[in-house]
Amino acid sequence: MRVLATSILSALALAAATSALAAASDADFKAAFAAAEAAEKQAGALRNRWTTTEAALVEAKKAADAGDLDRAVAAAKEAEALAKASIFQANSEKEAWKALEIR
C-alpha cells in the first residue's frame, strides 16, 4: 500500500513540476489531454476508473475552454497521472488479493 501511495504522490509531483516550466500552447493541451484520455480509457478497460481522474479531465476541458492553457495542461497531466496510478492499482491488486485468501 505504501508503494501505491508513493507512486501516486510521485506522479502528481512530476505532473505539477513539468507544467510549471513554460507557457502552454494549444498543441500542448491537445497532446496532454489525449494522453490523459488514453490512460483513462486503459483504466476503464481494467474496470478501475477513479472519480478524481474524471474531475481532472473536466477541469482541464473547462480551463481550455476559458483560454487558460497553462491550467488546462496541468489538469490534463494530473488526470493522466491519476489514471496511470489507477492502472497500477488495478494491476497490482490482480494478484495481491491472493495473499489475503484464507487457505
Protein backbone atom coordinates (compact mmCIF):
# COMPACT_ATOMS: atom_id res chain seq x y z
CA MET A 1 0.00 0.00 0.00
CA ARG A 2 2.90 2.37 0.70
CA VAL A 3 4.24 1.69 -2.77
CA LEU A 4 0.92 2.75 -4.28
CA ALA A 5 0.77 5.93 -2.22
CA THR A 6 4.38 6.77 -3.09
CA SER A 7 3.72 6.14 -6.78
CA ILE A 8 0.66 8.37 -6.77
CA LEU A 9 2.43 11.20 -4.97
CA SER A 10 5.44 10.95 -7.27
CA ALA A 11 3.27 11.04 -10.36
CA LEU A 12 1.34 14.06 -9.12
CA ALA A 13 4.52 15.90 -8.17
CA LEU A 14 6.03 15.21 -11.58
CA ALA A 15 2.90 16.45 -13.34
CA ALA A 16 2.91 19.64 -11.29
CA ALA A 17 6.62 20.25 -11.83
CA THR A 18 6.53 19.79 -15.59
CA SER A 19 3.51 22.02 -16.02
CA ALA A 20 5.23 24.97 -14.35
CA LEU A 21 8.14 25.14 -16.79
CA ALA A 22 6.73 27.22 -19.67
CA ALA A 23 3.57 28.75 -21.07
CA ALA A 24 1.43 26.10 -22.71
CA SER A 25 0.15 26.16 -26.27
CA ASP A 26 -3.00 24.69 -27.76
CA ALA A 27 -0.89 21.83 -29.14
CA ASP A 28 0.48 21.17 -25.64
CA PHE A 29 -3.05 20.96 -24.28
CA LYS A 30 -4.27 18.67 -27.04
CA ALA A 31 -1.33 16.32 -26.53
CA ALA A 32 -1.71 16.28 -22.74
CA PHE A 33 -5.47 15.79 -22.94
CA ALA A 34 -5.14 12.98 -25.48
CA ALA A 35 -2.59 11.21 -23.27
CA ALA A 36 -4.88 11.59 -20.26
CA GLU A 37 -7.88 10.27 -22.17
CA ALA A 38 -5.87 7.29 -23.43
CA ALA A 39 -4.73 6.42 -19.92
CA GLU A 40 -8.28 6.83 -18.61
CA LYS A 41 -9.56 4.53 -21.36
CA GLN A 42 -6.99 1.92 -20.31
CA ALA A 43 -8.08 2.29 -16.68
CA GLY A 44 -11.67 1.82 -17.81
CA ALA A 45 -10.73 -1.38 -19.62
CA LEU A 46 -9.36 -2.61 -16.29
CA ARG A 47 -12.61 -1.52 -14.61
CA ASN A 48 -10.78 0.84 -12.29
CA ARG A 49 -11.67 4.40 -13.18
CA TRP A 50 -11.27 6.97 -10.43
CA THR A 51 -13.68 9.85 -9.96
CA THR A 52 -10.74 12.15 -9.28
CA THR A 53 -9.42 11.41 -12.76
CA GLU A 54 -12.78 12.28 -14.29
CA ALA A 55 -12.85 15.53 -12.31
CA ALA A 56 -9.37 16.46 -13.50
CA LEU A 57 -10.40 15.83 -17.12
CA VAL A 58 -13.44 18.06 -16.69
CA GLU A 59 -11.26 20.75 -15.11
CA ALA A 60 -8.80 20.53 -18.00
CA LYS A 61 -11.57 20.95 -20.55
CA LYS A 62 -13.11 23.90 -18.68
CA ALA A 63 -9.73 25.62 -18.37
CA ALA A 64 -9.03 25.13 -22.08
CA ASP A 65 -12.45 26.48 -23.00
CA ALA A 66 -11.72 29.53 -20.84
CA GLY A 67 -8.38 30.03 -22.59
CA ASP A 68 -6.23 29.19 -19.56
CA LEU A 69 -3.96 26.70 -21.33
CA ASP A 70 -1.40 26.52 -18.52
CA ARG A 71 -4.08 25.38 -16.07
CA ALA A 72 -5.62 23.12 -18.74
CA VAL A 73 -2.33 21.33 -19.40
CA ALA A 74 -1.65 20.99 -15.68
CA ALA A 75 -5.09 19.46 -15.09
CA ALA A 76 -4.69 17.12 -18.06
CA LYS A 77 -1.30 15.96 -16.78
CA GLU A 78 -2.80 15.45 -13.33
CA ALA A 79 -5.60 13.40 -14.90
CA GLU A 80 -3.04 11.28 -16.76
CA ALA A 81 -1.05 10.70 -13.57
CA LEU A 82 -4.20 9.70 -11.70
CA ALA A 83 -5.26 7.36 -14.50
CA LYS A 84 -1.83 5.74 -14.54
CA ALA A 85 -2.00 5.32 -10.77
CA SER A 86 -5.38 3.62 -11.11
CA ILE A 87 -3.90 1.33 -13.76
CA PHE A 88 -1.04 0.50 -11.43
CA GLN A 89 -3.50 -0.20 -8.63
CA ALA A 90 -5.65 -2.47 -10.79
CA ASN A 91 -2.65 -4.44 -11.99
CA SER A 92 -1.07 -4.79 -8.55
CA GLU A 93 -4.33 -5.92 -6.98
CA LYS A 94 -4.89 -8.63 -9.59
CA GLU A 95 -2.56 -10.86 -7.60
CA ALA A 96 -2.41 -9.13 -4.20
CA TRP A 97 -5.81 -10.44 -3.12
CA LYS A 98 -4.39 -13.97 -3.08
CA ALA A 99 -2.22 -13.07 -0.08
CA LEU A 100 -5.41 -12.37 1.88
CA GLU A 101 -7.18 -15.55 0.90
CA ILE A 102 -7.80 -17.97 3.75
CA ARG A 103 -6.30 -21.33 2.95
